[in-house]
Protein backbone atom coordinates (compact mmCIF):
# COMPACT_ATOMS: atom_id res chain seq x y z
CA UNK A 1 15.71 32.23 -101.89
CA UNK A 2 14.21 29.81 -99.61
CA UNK A 3 11.10 28.04 -100.21
CA UNK A 4 10.59 26.96 -96.65
CA UNK A 5 6.89 28.06 -95.64
CA UNK A 6 6.43 30.43 -92.72
CA UNK A 7 5.83 28.84 -89.20
CA UNK A 8 2.05 28.56 -88.38
CA UNK A 9 0.87 31.02 -85.66
CA UNK A 10 0.56 30.36 -82.09
CA UNK A 11 -2.42 28.71 -80.85
CA UNK A 12 -5.52 31.22 -79.32
CA UNK A 13 -5.06 31.53 -75.67
CA UNK A 14 -7.60 29.25 -73.54
CA UNK A 15 -11.04 30.13 -72.91
CA UNK A 16 -11.38 32.78 -75.50
CA UNK A 17 -9.20 35.38 -73.46
CA UNK A 18 -7.45 37.88 -75.30
CA UNK A 19 -3.69 38.34 -74.70
CA UNK A 20 -2.38 41.42 -73.43
CA UNK A 21 -0.71 43.56 -76.00
CA UNK A 22 3.06 42.95 -76.47
CA UNK A 23 5.16 45.02 -74.12
CA UNK A 24 6.87 47.64 -76.38
CA UNK A 25 9.05 49.30 -73.57
CA UNK A 26 6.54 52.05 -72.94
CA UNK A 27 5.38 53.28 -69.44
CA UNK A 28 1.80 53.86 -70.31
CA UNK A 29 -0.88 51.80 -68.48
CA UNK A 30 -2.44 49.06 -70.84
CA UNK A 31 -6.29 49.26 -71.79
CA UNK A 32 -8.63 48.93 -68.86
CA UNK A 33 -5.80 49.13 -66.24
CA UNK A 34 -6.37 51.78 -63.60
CA UNK A 35 -3.37 53.89 -62.03
CA UNK A 36 -2.58 53.31 -58.32
CA UNK A 37 0.62 55.22 -58.09
CA UNK A 38 -0.96 58.34 -56.64
CA UNK A 39 -3.17 56.50 -54.41
CA UNK A 40 -0.73 54.31 -52.74
CA UNK A 41 1.66 57.29 -52.41
CA UNK A 42 -1.16 59.36 -50.50
CA UNK A 43 -2.01 56.17 -48.66
CA UNK A 44 1.46 54.99 -47.28
CA UNK A 45 1.81 59.15 -46.43
CA UNK A 46 -1.18 58.79 -44.18
CA UNK A 47 0.09 55.49 -42.50
CA UNK A 48 3.26 57.62 -41.46
CA UNK A 49 1.31 60.24 -40.12
CA UNK A 50 -1.15 57.66 -38.45
CA UNK A 51 1.78 55.70 -36.89
CA UNK A 52 3.38 58.98 -35.33
CA UNK A 53 -0.27 59.76 -33.93
CA UNK A 54 -0.58 56.41 -32.42
CA UNK A 55 2.61 56.66 -30.96
CA UNK A 56 1.77 60.34 -29.33
CA UNK A 57 -1.62 58.84 -28.37
CA UNK A 58 0.48 55.91 -26.37
CA UNK A 59 2.67 58.40 -24.66
CA UNK A 60 -0.24 60.38 -23.70
CA UNK A 61 -1.94 57.23 -22.41
CA UNK A 62 0.89 56.59 -20.24
CA UNK A 63 0.66 60.09 -19.02
CA UNK A 64 -2.86 59.61 -18.19
CA UNK A 65 -2.21 56.46 -16.02
CA UNK A 66 0.18 58.67 -13.81
CA UNK A 67 -2.77 61.34 -13.55
CA UNK A 68 -4.89 58.16 -12.59
CA UNK A 69 -2.57 56.99 -9.79
CA UNK A 70 -2.27 60.73 -8.41
CA UNK A 71 -5.93 61.08 -8.41
CA UNK A 72 -6.44 57.67 -6.51
CA UNK A 73 -3.56 58.81 -4.12
CA UNK A 74 -5.76 62.21 -3.56
CA UNK A 75 -2.51 64.41 -4.80
CA UNK A 76 -4.67 65.90 -7.46
CA UNK A 77 -8.31 67.18 -7.81
CA UNK A 78 -11.19 65.60 -9.66
CA UNK A 79 -11.46 68.48 -12.20
CA UNK A 80 -7.66 67.99 -12.97
CA UNK A 81 -7.83 64.39 -13.58
CA UNK A 82 -11.30 65.21 -15.42
CA UNK A 83 -9.43 67.61 -17.72
CA UNK A 84 -6.47 65.19 -18.31
CA UNK A 85 -8.78 62.33 -19.42
CA UNK A 86 -11.00 64.81 -21.70
CA UNK A 87 -7.89 66.10 -23.47
CA UNK A 88 -8.36 65.82 -27.28
CA UNK A 89 -5.08 64.74 -28.07
CA UNK A 90 -5.70 61.59 -26.64
CA UNK A 91 -7.80 60.85 -29.66
CA UNK A 92 -5.66 62.40 -32.16
CA UNK A 93 -4.92 58.79 -34.00
CA UNK A 94 -8.72 58.49 -34.89
CA UNK A 95 -8.45 61.53 -37.10
CA UNK A 96 -7.33 59.84 -40.02
CA UNK A 97 -9.62 56.61 -39.89
CA UNK A 98 -12.17 57.33 -42.59
CA UNK A 99 -9.42 59.07 -45.10
CA UNK A 100 -7.39 55.81 -44.56
CA UNK A 101 -10.33 53.58 -44.76
CA UNK A 102 -11.55 54.95 -48.13
CA UNK A 103 -8.10 54.83 -49.64
CA UNK A 104 -7.47 51.71 -48.55
CA UNK A 105 -10.84 50.36 -50.37
CA UNK A 106 -10.07 52.13 -53.63
CA UNK A 107 -6.78 50.74 -53.62
CA UNK A 108 -7.63 47.48 -53.32
CA UNK A 109 -10.48 47.48 -55.66
CA UNK A 110 -8.28 49.09 -58.58
CA UNK A 111 -5.63 46.38 -58.16
CA UNK A 112 -8.27 43.72 -57.99
CA UNK A 113 -10.01 45.31 -61.05
CA UNK A 114 -6.58 45.21 -62.63
CA UNK A 115 -5.77 41.96 -62.66
CA UNK A 116 -8.80 40.94 -64.46
CA UNK A 117 -7.72 43.57 -67.02
CA UNK A 118 -4.63 41.99 -67.83
CA UNK A 119 -6.30 38.47 -67.80
CA UNK A 120 -5.18 36.96 -64.74
CA UNK A 121 -7.01 33.51 -64.36
CA UNK A 122 -8.00 31.48 -61.48
CA UNK A 123 -8.67 34.49 -59.08
CA UNK A 124 -11.13 33.90 -56.27
CA UNK A 125 -12.14 37.37 -54.99
CA UNK A 126 -13.66 39.92 -57.18
CA UNK A 127 -13.20 43.70 -56.86
CA UNK A 128 -16.38 44.27 -55.14
CA UNK A 129 -14.95 42.08 -52.13
CA UNK A 130 -12.43 44.94 -51.72
CA UNK A 131 -15.39 46.53 -50.31
CA UNK A 132 -17.72 44.03 -48.70
CA UNK A 133 -14.75 42.36 -46.99
CA UNK A 134 -14.18 44.96 -44.52
CA UNK A 135 -18.24 45.04 -43.57
CA UNK A 136 -19.12 41.34 -43.95
CA UNK A 137 -18.35 38.96 -40.45
CA UNK A 138 -16.00 38.43 -39.00
CA UNK A 139 -15.39 42.04 -39.66
CA UNK A 140 -14.00 42.72 -36.22
CA UNK A 141 -10.82 40.29 -36.92
CA UNK A 142 -10.57 41.18 -40.74
CA UNK A 143 -10.34 37.82 -41.96
CA UNK A 144 -11.55 38.59 -45.32
CA UNK A 145 -9.00 41.62 -46.21
CA UNK A 146 -6.25 39.40 -44.88
CA UNK A 147 -7.19 36.62 -47.87
CA UNK A 148 -7.66 39.27 -50.48
CA UNK A 149 -4.44 41.02 -49.81
CA UNK A 150 -2.72 37.54 -49.89
CA UNK A 151 -4.43 36.79 -53.39
CA UNK A 152 -3.62 40.54 -54.44
CA UNK A 153 0.13 40.06 -53.55
CA UNK A 154 0.49 36.41 -55.33
CA UNK A 155 -1.56 37.53 -58.53
CA UNK A 156 0.59 40.75 -59.02
CA UNK A 157 3.89 38.65 -59.38
CA UNK A 158 5.24 40.34 -62.38
CA UNK A 159 7.31 36.75 -63.22
CA UNK A 160 3.70 35.05 -63.72
CA UNK A 161 2.88 34.28 -67.15
CA UNK A 162 -0.31 34.96 -68.86
CA UNK A 163 -3.13 32.51 -68.32
CA UNK A 164 -0.79 30.65 -66.13
CA UNK A 165 -2.32 29.96 -62.53
CA UNK A 166 0.87 29.12 -61.12
CA UNK A 167 0.92 32.51 -59.24
CA UNK A 168 -1.36 30.74 -56.87
CA UNK A 169 1.76 28.69 -55.48
CA UNK A 170 3.69 31.84 -54.87
CA UNK A 171 4.61 33.05 -51.29
CA UNK A 172 3.00 35.77 -49.49
CA UNK A 173 4.85 38.62 -47.98
CA UNK A 174 4.91 38.19 -44.11
CA UNK A 175 3.66 41.66 -43.97
CA UNK A 176 0.47 40.72 -44.56
CA UNK A 177 0.61 38.14 -41.66
CA UNK A 178 2.03 40.72 -39.27
CA UNK A 179 -0.40 43.12 -40.09
CA UNK A 180 -3.39 40.76 -39.78
CA UNK A 181 -2.22 39.69 -36.08
CA UNK A 182 -1.38 43.45 -35.08
CA UNK A 183 -4.55 44.79 -36.18
CA UNK A 184 -7.04 41.95 -36.56
CA UNK A 185 -6.19 39.60 -33.30
CA UNK A 186 -4.36 41.82 -30.84
CA UNK A 187 -6.81 44.50 -30.39
CA UNK A 188 -9.18 42.15 -29.35
CA UNK A 189 -7.29 41.86 -25.93
CA UNK A 190 -8.49 45.46 -25.10
CA UNK A 191 -12.01 45.35 -26.40
CA UNK A 192 -13.56 44.24 -22.86
CA UNK A 193 -11.35 46.40 -20.72
CA UNK A 194 -11.83 49.62 -23.33
CA UNK A 195 -15.72 49.04 -22.89
CA UNK A 196 -15.79 48.86 -19.13
CA UNK A 197 -13.57 51.92 -18.96
CA UNK A 198 -15.75 54.35 -21.29
CA UNK A 199 -18.90 52.87 -19.64
CA UNK A 200 -17.16 53.99 -16.05
CA UNK A 201 -16.43 57.53 -17.69
CA UNK A 202 -19.69 58.19 -18.98
CA UNK A 203 -21.33 57.36 -15.60
CA UNK A 204 -18.92 59.83 -14.01
CA UNK A 205 -17.57 57.18 -11.81
CA UNK A 206 -14.09 59.02 -11.99
CA UNK A 207 -12.53 57.25 -9.16
CA UNK A 208 -13.51 53.86 -10.35
CA UNK A 209 -12.30 54.80 -13.86
CA UNK A 210 -8.92 55.81 -12.32
CA UNK A 211 -8.40 52.59 -10.69
CA UNK A 212 -9.27 50.94 -13.81
CA UNK A 213 -6.98 52.95 -15.91
CA UNK A 214 -4.02 52.68 -13.46
CA UNK A 215 -4.60 48.48 -13.19
CA UNK A 216 -4.80 48.50 -17.09
CA UNK A 217 -1.79 51.00 -17.85
CA UNK A 218 0.58 48.26 -19.00
CA UNK A 219 -2.04 46.75 -21.24
CA UNK A 220 -3.29 49.89 -22.87
CA UNK A 221 0.51 50.81 -23.69
CA UNK A 222 1.28 47.33 -25.14
CA UNK A 223 -2.09 47.68 -27.34
CA UNK A 224 -0.97 51.37 -28.31
CA UNK A 225 2.34 50.19 -29.32
CA UNK A 226 1.09 47.35 -31.48
CA UNK A 227 -1.55 49.85 -32.84
CA UNK A 228 1.53 51.75 -33.85
CA UNK A 229 3.16 48.93 -35.35
CA UNK A 230 0.41 47.81 -37.32
CA UNK A 231 0.24 51.32 -39.06
CA UNK A 232 4.00 51.07 -39.81
CA UNK A 233 3.73 47.30 -41.19
CA UNK A 234 0.57 48.54 -43.15
CA UNK A 235 2.50 51.50 -45.02
CA UNK A 236 5.27 49.06 -45.46
CA UNK A 237 3.13 46.72 -47.14
CA UNK A 238 1.29 49.38 -49.14
CA UNK A 239 4.42 50.52 -50.89
CA UNK A 240 5.94 46.96 -51.66
CA UNK A 241 2.31 45.72 -53.02
CA UNK A 242 1.96 48.75 -54.93
CA UNK A 243 5.58 48.49 -56.51
CA UNK A 244 4.67 44.79 -57.24
CA UNK A 245 1.66 45.22 -58.60
CA UNK A 246 2.88 48.32 -60.80
CA UNK A 247 5.63 46.42 -62.20
CA UNK A 248 2.85 43.75 -63.47
CA UNK A 249 0.79 46.41 -65.04
CA UNK A 250 3.42 47.94 -66.44
CA UNK A 251 2.46 51.43 -64.69
CA UNK A 252 6.27 51.81 -63.74
C-alpha cells in the first residue's frame, strides 16, 4: 500500500467566480440557464414566413409599377390604379414585424443572460442591451444589435474554456455582417424615395405618385429582394447561433 500523499486540490477560479458543475452527460440545462430551443424554433419559422411574404410583396410592387405605367399612359382609370395601390396584400410582410421583434429581443436577452450564468468572463454587453440596443441611436442602421450579435456568437463558442477570455479572438460568422448590410444599410437607400411616394399618395396626387412609382420600379424591386434576403440570412443566423449557444450551455 503506497504512502504517497494525494495531490493537492486545484486552485480556486480567479475573482471568486464559482466554477460550473462538471458535465455528467446529462442534457439538463444548468442552474440559472434559460432555455432558448422553443423560442429560437418559433423565431426562425417566422423568419421563413417573413421571407416568403417579402417575396410576394416584391412581386406585387413589380405589378404596381406596371399599373403605374398604364395609368400614366391613360389605359386604366384613376379608380383602377388607386385600387391596385391600396391592396392589403402589399403590406402583408409588415404583419409579422411585432412578433419577430419581440421574439428577437427575448432570444438575445436569454443568450446574454446565459453567458453570465455559465461564468463567461470579459463580456462587454449586459443582457439589457438586447433591448436597448434596438432603440438607442443610431437605431436606424442597427449598429448596436450588430455588435451584440457578434459578441453572442464569439462568447457562445462551445470550445472556449471557463474563465478564459480567448473567446474574444474567435471569428464571427459572415451571416452577422451580411444581415447588417442587408437590413441595416441597404434600406437607407430607399428611405427618401419611400417618404416622397407616401407623401404624394396621401396628398391624392396619384398621377405624380404613378410617375414616381414607375421611375423607381427597379430600386423598389432591388430593395424588396434585399429585404427578402435579409429575412433568409437572419433565419439562418438564428438557427446557427442557437445551435452553437445550446451546445455551450448543454441544452442539447
